[in-house]
Amino acid sequence: MDSDDAELDQLQAAYKEAVEIWVAAIRAEEALASVHHSVVELDAWENAHFAAEDARAKAEATKAAYEGVLRSRLFGFD
């Protein structure tokens, strides 16, 4: 394995991990949406939504980093 592949593998793994965290956050939000809501539960549900959005943003950032390096290597541009 050369260092180019190692870097791509690392970026790909980071992206996959970020997506898994995002999926878990979505499932946590969904679970809170499926119960009878009190004010406390509503706040928890809303906070879960914000956590899912943060996880989505991180997944998109890691995808962009991976995709940018991949495009540069495959096509020679950024």
PDB file of N, CA and C in Angstrom:
ATOM      1  N   MET A   1       0.850  -1.178   0.000  1.00  0.00           N
ATOM      2  CA  MET A   1       0.000   0.000   0.000  1.00  0.00           C
ATOM      3  C   MET A   1       0.889   1.231   0.000  1.00  0.00           C
ATOM      4  N   ASP A   2       0.656   2.125  -0.911  1.00  0.00           N
ATOM      5  CA  ASP A   2       1.462   3.332  -0.909  1.00  0.00           C
ATOM      6  C   ASP A   2       0.807   4.398  -0.044  1.00  0.00           C
ATOM      7  N   SER A   3       1.531   5.470   0.198  1.00  0.00           N
ATOM      8  CA  SER A   3       1.027   6.504   1.105  1.00  0.00           C
ATOM      9  C   SER A   3      -0.208   7.193   0.549  1.00  0.00           C
ATOM     10  N   ASP A   4      -0.333   7.268  -0.786  1.00  0.00           N
ATOM     11  CA  ASP A   4      -1.530   7.862  -1.379  1.00  0.00           C
ATOM     12  C   ASP A   4      -2.764   7.058  -1.009  1.00  0.00           C
ATOM     13  N   ASP A   5      -2.675   5.742  -1.126  1.00  0.00           N
ATOM     14  CA  ASP A   5      -3.802   4.886  -0.766  1.00  0.00           C
ATOM     15  C   ASP A   5      -4.087   4.959   0.728  1.00  0.00           C
ATOM     16  N   ALA A   6      -3.054   5.032   1.526  1.00  0.00           N
ATOM     17  CA  ALA A   6      -3.235   5.106   2.979  1.00  0.00           C
ATOM     18  C   ALA A   6      -4.007   6.371   3.360  1.00  0.00           C
ATOM     19  N   GLU A   7      -3.669   7.476   2.717  1.00  0.00           N
ATOM     20  CA  GLU A   7      -4.384   8.718   3.007  1.00  0.00           C
ATOM     21  C   GLU A   7      -5.844   8.619   2.580  1.00  0.00           C
ATOM     22  N   LEU A   8      -6.088   8.075   1.391  1.00  0.00           N
ATOM     23  CA  LEU A   8      -7.466   7.899   0.927  1.00  0.00           C
ATOM     24  C   LEU A   8      -8.233   6.945   1.830  1.00  0.00           C
ATOM     25  N   ASP A   9      -7.581   5.863   2.248  1.00  0.00           N
ATOM     26  CA  ASP A   9      -8.230   4.910   3.158  1.00  0.00           C
ATOM     27  C   ASP A   9      -8.613   5.581   4.469  1.00  0.00           C
ATOM     28  N   GLN A  10      -7.723   6.417   4.978  1.00  0.00           N
ATOM     29  CA  GLN A  10      -7.998   7.126   6.229  1.00  0.00           C
ATOM     30  C   GLN A  10      -9.165   8.103   6.062  1.00  0.00           C
ATOM     31  N   LEU A  11      -9.176   8.836   4.966  1.00  0.00           N
ATOM     32  CA  LEU A  11     -10.271   9.778   4.712  1.00  0.00           C
ATOM     33  C   LEU A  11     -11.596   9.048   4.518  1.00  0.00           C
ATOM     34  N   GLN A  12     -11.556   7.931   3.809  1.00  0.00           N
ATOM     35  CA  GLN A  12     -12.762   7.140   3.601  1.00  0.00           C
ATOM     36  C   GLN A  12     -13.284   6.583   4.924  1.00  0.00           C
ATOM     37  N   ALA A  13     -12.390   6.090   5.760  1.00  0.00           N
ATOM     38  CA  ALA A  13     -12.787   5.546   7.062  1.00  0.00           C
ATOM     39  C   ALA A  13     -13.398   6.637   7.941  1.00  0.00           C
ATOM     40  N   ALA A  14     -12.820   7.827   7.900  1.00  0.00           N
ATOM     41  CA  ALA A  14     -13.369   8.942   8.677  1.00  0.00           C
ATOM     42  C   ALA A  14     -14.769   9.293   8.196  1.00  0.00           C
ATOM     43  N   TYR A  15     -14.966   9.281   6.893  1.00  0.00           N
ATOM     44  CA  TYR A  15     -16.293   9.564   6.329  1.00  0.00           C
ATOM     45  C   TYR A  15     -17.300   8.498   6.761  1.00  0.00           C
ATOM     46  N   LYS A  16     -16.912   7.238   6.643  1.00  0.00           N
ATOM     47  CA  LYS A  16     -17.823   6.155   7.039  1.00  0.00           C
ATOM     48  C   LYS A  16     -18.191   6.262   8.517  1.00  0.00           C
ATOM     49  N   GLU A  17     -17.214   6.566   9.353  1.00  0.00           N
ATOM     50  CA  GLU A  17     -17.479   6.713  10.787  1.00  0.00           C
ATOM     51  C   GLU A  17     -18.428   7.879  11.048  1.00  0.00           C
ATOM     52  N   ALA A  18     -18.210   8.986  10.354  1.00  0.00           N
ATOM     53  CA  ALA A  18     -19.078  10.153  10.520  1.00  0.00           C
ATOM     54  C   ALA A  18     -20.509   9.833  10.096  1.00  0.00           C
ATOM     55  N   VAL A  19     -20.672   9.064   9.037  1.00  0.00           N
ATOM     56  CA  VAL A  19     -22.013   8.682   8.581  1.00  0.00           C
ATOM     57  C   VAL A  19     -22.673   7.770   9.617  1.00  0.00           C
ATOM     58  N   GLU A  20     -21.921   6.856  10.188  1.00  0.00           N
ATOM     59  CA  GLU A  20     -22.482   5.973  11.220  1.00  0.00           C
ATOM     60  C   GLU A  20     -22.943   6.772  12.439  1.00  0.00           C
ATOM     61  N   ILE A  21     -22.171   7.773  12.818  1.00  0.00           N
ATOM     62  CA  ILE A  21     -22.566   8.638  13.935  1.00  0.00           C
ATOM     63  C   ILE A  21     -23.823   9.417  13.583  1.00  0.00           C
ATOM     64  N   TRP A  22     -23.911   9.880  12.349  1.00  0.00           N
ATOM     65  CA  TRP A  22     -25.089  10.611  11.880  1.00  0.00           C
ATOM     66  C   TRP A  22     -26.319   9.710  11.917  1.00  0.00           C
ATOM     67  N   VAL A  23     -26.178   8.488  11.427  1.00  0.00           N
ATOM     68  CA  VAL A  23     -27.294   7.537  11.425  1.00  0.00           C
ATOM     69  C   VAL A  23     -27.753   7.265  12.854  1.00  0.00           C
ATOM     70  N   ALA A  24     -26.815   7.083  13.771  1.00  0.00           N
ATOM     71  CA  ALA A  24     -27.183   6.850  15.173  1.00  0.00           C
ATOM     72  C   ALA A  24     -27.932   8.049  15.745  1.00  0.00           C
ATOM     73  N   ALA A  25     -27.499   9.247  15.387  1.00  0.00           N
ATOM     74  CA  ALA A  25     -28.174  10.457  15.869  1.00  0.00           C
ATOM     75  C   ALA A  25     -29.584  10.564  15.305  1.00  0.00           C
ATOM     76  N   ILE A  26     -29.759  10.192  14.052  1.00  0.00           N
ATOM     77  CA  ILE A  26     -31.094  10.194  13.446  1.00  0.00           C
ATOM     78  C   ILE A  26     -31.989   9.190  14.164  1.00  0.00           C
ATOM     79  N   ARG A  27     -31.460   8.014  14.447  1.00  0.00           N
ATOM     80  CA  ARG A  27     -32.250   6.992  15.146  1.00  0.00           C
ATOM     81  C   ARG A  27     -32.621   7.444  16.551  1.00  0.00           C
ATOM     82  N   ALA A  28     -31.708   8.136  17.227  1.00  0.00           N
ATOM     83  CA  ALA A  28     -32.010   8.656  18.561  1.00  0.00           C
ATOM     84  C   ALA A  28     -33.127   9.698  18.483  1.00  0.00           C
ATOM     85  N   GLU A  29     -33.063  10.557  17.477  1.00  0.00           N
ATOM     86  CA  GLU A  29     -34.123  11.553  17.289  1.00  0.00           C
ATOM     87  C   GLU A  29     -35.455  10.872  16.995  1.00  0.00           C
ATOM     88  N   GLU A  30     -35.424   9.882  16.131  1.00  0.00           N
ATOM     89  CA  GLU A  30     -36.644   9.158  15.765  1.00  0.00           C
ATOM     90  C   GLU A  30     -37.258   8.470  16.978  1.00  0.00           C
ATOM     91  N   ALA A  31     -36.422   7.899  17.823  1.00  0.00           N
ATOM     92  CA  ALA A  31     -36.927   7.221  19.019  1.00  0.00           C
ATOM     93  C   ALA A  31     -37.644   8.205  19.939  1.00  0.00           C
ATOM     94  N   LEU A  32     -37.127   9.394  20.060  1.00  0.00           N
ATOM     95  CA  LEU A  32     -37.764  10.401  20.906  1.00  0.00           C
ATOM     96  C   LEU A  32     -39.045  10.934  20.280  1.00  0.00           C
ATOM     97  N   ALA A  33     -39.170  10.851  18.973  1.00  0.00           N
ATOM     98  CA  ALA A  33     -40.376  11.318  18.296  1.00  0.00           C
ATOM     99  C   ALA A  33     -41.514  10.324  18.448  1.00  0.00           C
ATOM    100  N   SER A  34     -41.196   9.133  18.918  1.00  0.00           N
ATOM    101  CA  SER A  34     -42.192   8.063  18.985  1.00  0.00           C
ATOM    102  C   SER A  34     -42.813   7.897  20.369  1.00  0.00           C
ATOM    103  N   VAL A  35     -42.559   8.814  21.275  1.00  0.00           N
ATOM    104  CA  VAL A  35     -43.108   8.701  22.628  1.00  0.00           C
ATOM    105  C   VAL A  35     -44.061   9.857  22.893  1.00  0.00           C
ATOM    106  N   HIS A  36     -44.844   9.711  23.968  1.00  0.00           N
ATOM    107  CA  HIS A  36     -45.722  10.799  24.399  1.00  0.00           C
ATOM    108  C   HIS A  36     -44.833  11.919  24.930  1.00  0.00           C
ATOM    109  N   HIS A  37     -45.064  13.124  24.483  1.00  0.00           N
ATOM    110  CA  HIS A  37     -44.156  14.213  24.820  1.00  0.00           C
ATOM    111  C   HIS A  37     -44.646  15.063  25.981  1.00  0.00           C
ATOM    112  N   SER A  38     -43.783  15.199  26.954  1.00  0.00           N
ATOM    113  CA  SER A  38     -43.936  16.221  27.976  1.00  0.00           C
ATOM    114  C   SER A  38     -43.007  17.359  27.556  1.00  0.00           C
ATOM    115  N   VAL A  39     -42.971  18.394  28.326  1.00  0.00           N
ATOM    116  CA  VAL A  39     -42.072  19.508  28.000  1.00  0.00           C
ATOM    117  C   VAL A  39     -40.623  19.014  28.017  1.00  0.00           C
ATOM    118  N   VAL A  40     -40.281  18.206  28.996  1.00  0.00           N
ATOM    119  CA  VAL A  40     -38.913  17.683  29.093  1.00  0.00           C
ATOM    120  C   VAL A  40     -38.603  16.795  27.891  1.00  0.00           C
ATOM    121  N   GLU A  41     -39.540  15.926  27.531  1.00  0.00           N
ATOM    122  CA  GLU A  41     -39.320  15.048  26.380  1.00  0.00           C
ATOM    123  C   GLU A  41     -39.244  15.852  25.080  1.00  0.00           C
ATOM    124  N   LEU A  42     -40.049  16.891  24.983  1.00  0.00           N
ATOM    125  CA  LEU A  42     -40.003  17.745  23.796  1.00  0.00           C
ATOM    126  C   LEU A  42     -38.644  18.424  23.678  1.00  0.00           C
ATOM    127  N   ASP A  43     -38.111  18.887  24.803  1.00  0.00           N
ATOM    128  CA  ASP A  43     -36.776  19.487  24.789  1.00  0.00           C
ATOM    129  C   ASP A  43     -35.715  18.464  24.380  1.00  0.00           C
ATOM    130  N   ALA A  44     -35.825  17.243  24.888  1.00  0.00           N
ATOM    131  CA  ALA A  44     -34.870  16.192  24.526  1.00  0.00           C
ATOM    132  C   ALA A  44     -34.971  15.881  23.039  1.00  0.00           C
ATOM    133  N   TRP A  45     -36.176  15.828  22.515  1.00  0.00           N
ATOM    134  CA  TRP A  45     -36.393  15.559  21.090  1.00  0.00           C
ATOM    135  C   TRP A  45     -35.759  16.660  20.239  1.00  0.00           C
ATOM    136  N   GLU A  46     -35.994  17.914  20.649  1.00  0.00           N
ATOM    137  CA  GLU A  46     -35.421  19.035  19.916  1.00  0.00           C
ATOM    138  C   GLU A  46     -33.890  18.997  19.983  1.00  0.00           C
ATOM    139  N   ASN A  47     -33.342  18.692  21.148  1.00  0.00           N
ATOM    140  CA  ASN A  47     -31.885  18.586  21.278  1.00  0.00           C
ATOM    141  C   ASN A  47     -31.340  17.449  20.420  1.00  0.00           C
ATOM    142  N   ALA A  48     -32.081  16.350  20.325  1.00  0.00           N
ATOM    143  CA  ALA A  48     -31.666  15.236  19.470  1.00  0.00           C
ATOM    144  C   ALA A  48     -31.649  15.672  18.007  1.00  0.00           C
ATOM    145  N   HIS A  49     -32.586  16.504  17.625  1.00  0.00           N
ATOM    146  CA  HIS A  49     -32.605  17.026  16.256  1.00  0.00           C
ATOM    147  C   HIS A  49     -31.350  17.855  15.987  1.00  0.00           C
ATOM    148  N   PHE A  50     -30.994  18.714  16.942  1.00  0.00           N
ATOM    149  CA  PHE A  50     -29.792  19.537  16.771  1.00  0.00           C
ATOM    150  C   PHE A  50     -28.546  18.662  16.704  1.00  0.00           C
ATOM    151  N   ALA A  51     -28.501  17.605  17.513  1.00  0.00           N
ATOM    152  CA  ALA A  51     -27.360  16.680  17.478  1.00  0.00           C
ATOM    153  C   ALA A  51     -27.282  15.983  16.121  1.00  0.00           C
ATOM    154  N   ALA A  52     -28.432  15.599  15.575  1.00  0.00           N
ATOM    155  CA  ALA A  52     -28.454  14.962  14.256  1.00  0.00           C
ATOM    156  C   ALA A  52     -27.982  15.928  13.179  1.00  0.00           C
ATOM    157  N   GLU A  53     -28.374  17.185  13.285  1.00  0.00           N
ATOM    158  CA  GLU A  53     -27.930  18.184  12.314  1.00  0.00           C
ATOM    159  C   GLU A  53     -26.426  18.426  12.414  1.00  0.00           C
ATOM    160  N   ASP A  54     -25.905  18.460  13.636  1.00  0.00           N
ATOM    161  CA  ASP A  54     -24.457  18.607  13.818  1.00  0.00           C
ATOM    162  C   ASP A  54     -23.722  17.411  13.217  1.00  0.00           C
ATOM    163  N   ALA A  55     -24.245  16.218  13.452  1.00  0.00           N
ATOM    164  CA  ALA A  55     -23.628  15.010  12.902  1.00  0.00           C
ATOM    165  C   ALA A  55     -23.677  15.024  11.376  1.00  0.00           C
ATOM    166  N   ARG A  56     -24.782  15.502  10.819  1.00  0.00           N
ATOM    167  CA  ARG A  56     -24.899  15.612   9.356  1.00  0.00           C
ATOM    168  C   ARG A  56     -23.835  16.552   8.804  1.00  0.00           C
ATOM    169  N   ALA A  57     -23.663  17.685   9.461  1.00  0.00           N
ATOM    170  CA  ALA A  57     -22.667  18.662   9.004  1.00  0.00           C
ATOM    171  C   ALA A  57     -21.256  18.067   9.048  1.00  0.00           C
ATOM    172  N   LYS A  58     -20.964  17.304  10.089  1.00  0.00           N
ATOM    173  CA  LYS A  58     -19.648  16.669  10.186  1.00  0.00           C
ATOM    174  C   LYS A  58     -19.483  15.608   9.102  1.00  0.00           C
ATOM    175  N   ALA A  59     -20.530  14.847   8.827  1.00  0.00           N
ATOM    176  CA  ALA A  59     -20.466  13.841   7.763  1.00  0.00           C
ATOM    177  C   ALA A  59     -20.235  14.510   6.413  1.00  0.00           C
ATOM    178  N   GLU A  60     -20.914  15.606   6.171  1.00  0.00           N
ATOM    179  CA  GLU A  60     -20.733  16.316   4.912  1.00  0.00           C
ATOM    180  C   GLU A  60     -19.325  16.896   4.792  1.00  0.00           C
ATOM    181  N   ALA A  61     -18.772  17.372   5.900  1.00  0.00           N
ATOM    182  CA  ALA A  61     -17.412  17.916   5.870  1.00  0.00           C
ATOM    183  C   ALA A  61     -16.388  16.819   5.602  1.00  0.00           C
ATOM    184  N   THR A  62     -16.569  15.661   6.232  1.00  0.00           N
ATOM    185  CA  THR A  62     -15.621  14.569   5.995  1.00  0.00           C
ATOM    186  C   THR A  62     -15.768  14.030   4.577  1.00  0.00           C
ATOM    187  N   LYS A  63     -16.993  14.036   4.050  1.00  0.00           N
ATOM    188  CA  LYS A  63     -17.199  13.616   2.664  1.00  0.00           C
ATOM    189  C   LYS A  63     -16.485  14.572   1.711  1.00  0.00           C
ATOM    190  N   ALA A  64     -16.623  15.849   1.967  1.00  0.00           N
ATOM    191  CA  ALA A  64     -15.983  16.843   1.103  1.00  0.00           C
ATOM    192  C   ALA A  64     -14.463  16.697   1.120  1.00  0.00           C
ATOM    193  N   ALA A  65     -13.903  16.425   2.292  1.00  0.00           N
ATOM    194  CA  ALA A  65     -12.450  16.246   2.383  1.00  0.00           C
ATOM    195  C   ALA A  65     -12.014  15.016   1.601  1.00  0.00           C
ATOM    196  N   TYR A  66     -12.715  13.920   1.794  1.00  0.00           N
ATOM    197  CA  TYR A  66     -12.391  12.678   1.090  1.00  0.00           C
ATOM    198  C   TYR A  66     -12.575  12.856  -0.412  1.00  0.00           C
ATOM    199  N   GLU A  67     -13.700  13.418  -0.800  1.00  0.00           N
ATOM    200  CA  GLU A  67     -14.004  13.609  -2.213  1.00  0.00           C
ATOM    201  C   GLU A  67     -13.002  14.548  -2.886  1.00  0.00           C
ATOM    202  N   GLY A  68     -12.585  15.580  -2.173  1.00  0.00           N
ATOM    203  CA  GLY A  68     -11.632  16.518  -2.739  1.00  0.00           C
ATOM    204  C   GLY A  68     -10.301  15.867  -3.059  1.00  0.00           C
ATOM    205  N   VAL A  69      -9.790  15.087  -2.125  1.00  0.00           N
ATOM    206  CA  VAL A  69      -8.517  14.396  -2.362  1.00  0.00           C
ATOM    207  C   VAL A  69      -8.690  13.345  -3.450  1.00  0.00           C
ATOM    208  N   LEU A  70      -9.791  12.630  -3.411  1.00  0.00           N
ATOM    209  CA  LEU A  70     -10.050  11.594  -4.410  1.00  0.00           C
ATOM    210  C   LEU A  70     -10.117  12.198  -5.816  1.00  0.00           C
ATOM    211  N   ARG A  71     -10.857  13.283  -5.970  1.00  0.00           N
ATOM    212  CA  ARG A  71     -10.954  13.951  -7.278  1.00  0.00           C
ATOM    213  C   ARG A  71      -9.589  14.437  -7.750  1.00  0.00           C
ATOM    214  N   SER A  72      -8.838  14.999  -6.816  1.00  0.00           N
ATOM    215  CA  SER A  72      -7.507  15.489  -7.175  1.00  0.00           C
ATOM    216  C   SER A  72      -6.628  14.357  -7.666  1.00  0.00           C
ATOM    217  N   ARG A  73      -6.688  13.219  -6.993  1.00  0.00           N
ATOM    218  CA  ARG A  73      -5.854  12.073  -7.381  1.00  0.00           C
ATOM    219  C   ARG A  73      -6.328  11.446  -8.695  1.00  0.00           C
ATOM    220  N   LEU A  74      -7.630  11.330  -8.850  1.00  0.00           N
ATOM    221  CA  LEU A  74      -8.161  10.638 -10.042  1.00  0.00           C
ATOM    222  C   LEU A  74      -8.179  11.521 -11.281  1.00  0.00           C
ATOM    223  N   PHE A  75      -8.484  12.804 -11.083  1.00  0.00           N
ATOM    224  CA  PHE A  75      -8.687  13.679 -12.220  1.00  0.00           C
ATOM    225  C   PHE A  75      -7.678  14.825 -12.322  1.00  0.00           C
ATOM    226  N   GLY A  76      -6.855  14.976 -11.286  1.00  0.00           N
ATOM    227  CA  GLY A  76      -5.816  15.987 -11.332  1.00  0.00           C
ATOM    228  C   GLY A  76      -6.288  17.409 -11.087  1.00  0.00           C
ATOM    229  N   PHE A  77      -7.462  17.562 -10.456  1.00  0.00           N
ATOM    230  CA  PHE A  77      -7.906  18.913 -10.117  1.00  0.00           C
ATOM    231  C   PHE A  77      -8.621  18.887  -8.785  1.00  0.00           C
ATOM    232  N   ASP A  78      -8.774  20.085  -8.209  1.00  0.00           N
ATOM    233  CA  ASP A  78      -9.411  20.229  -6.891  1.00  0.00           C
ATOM    234  C   ASP A  78     -10.870  20.535  -7.002  1.00  0.00           C
TER     235      ASP A  78
END
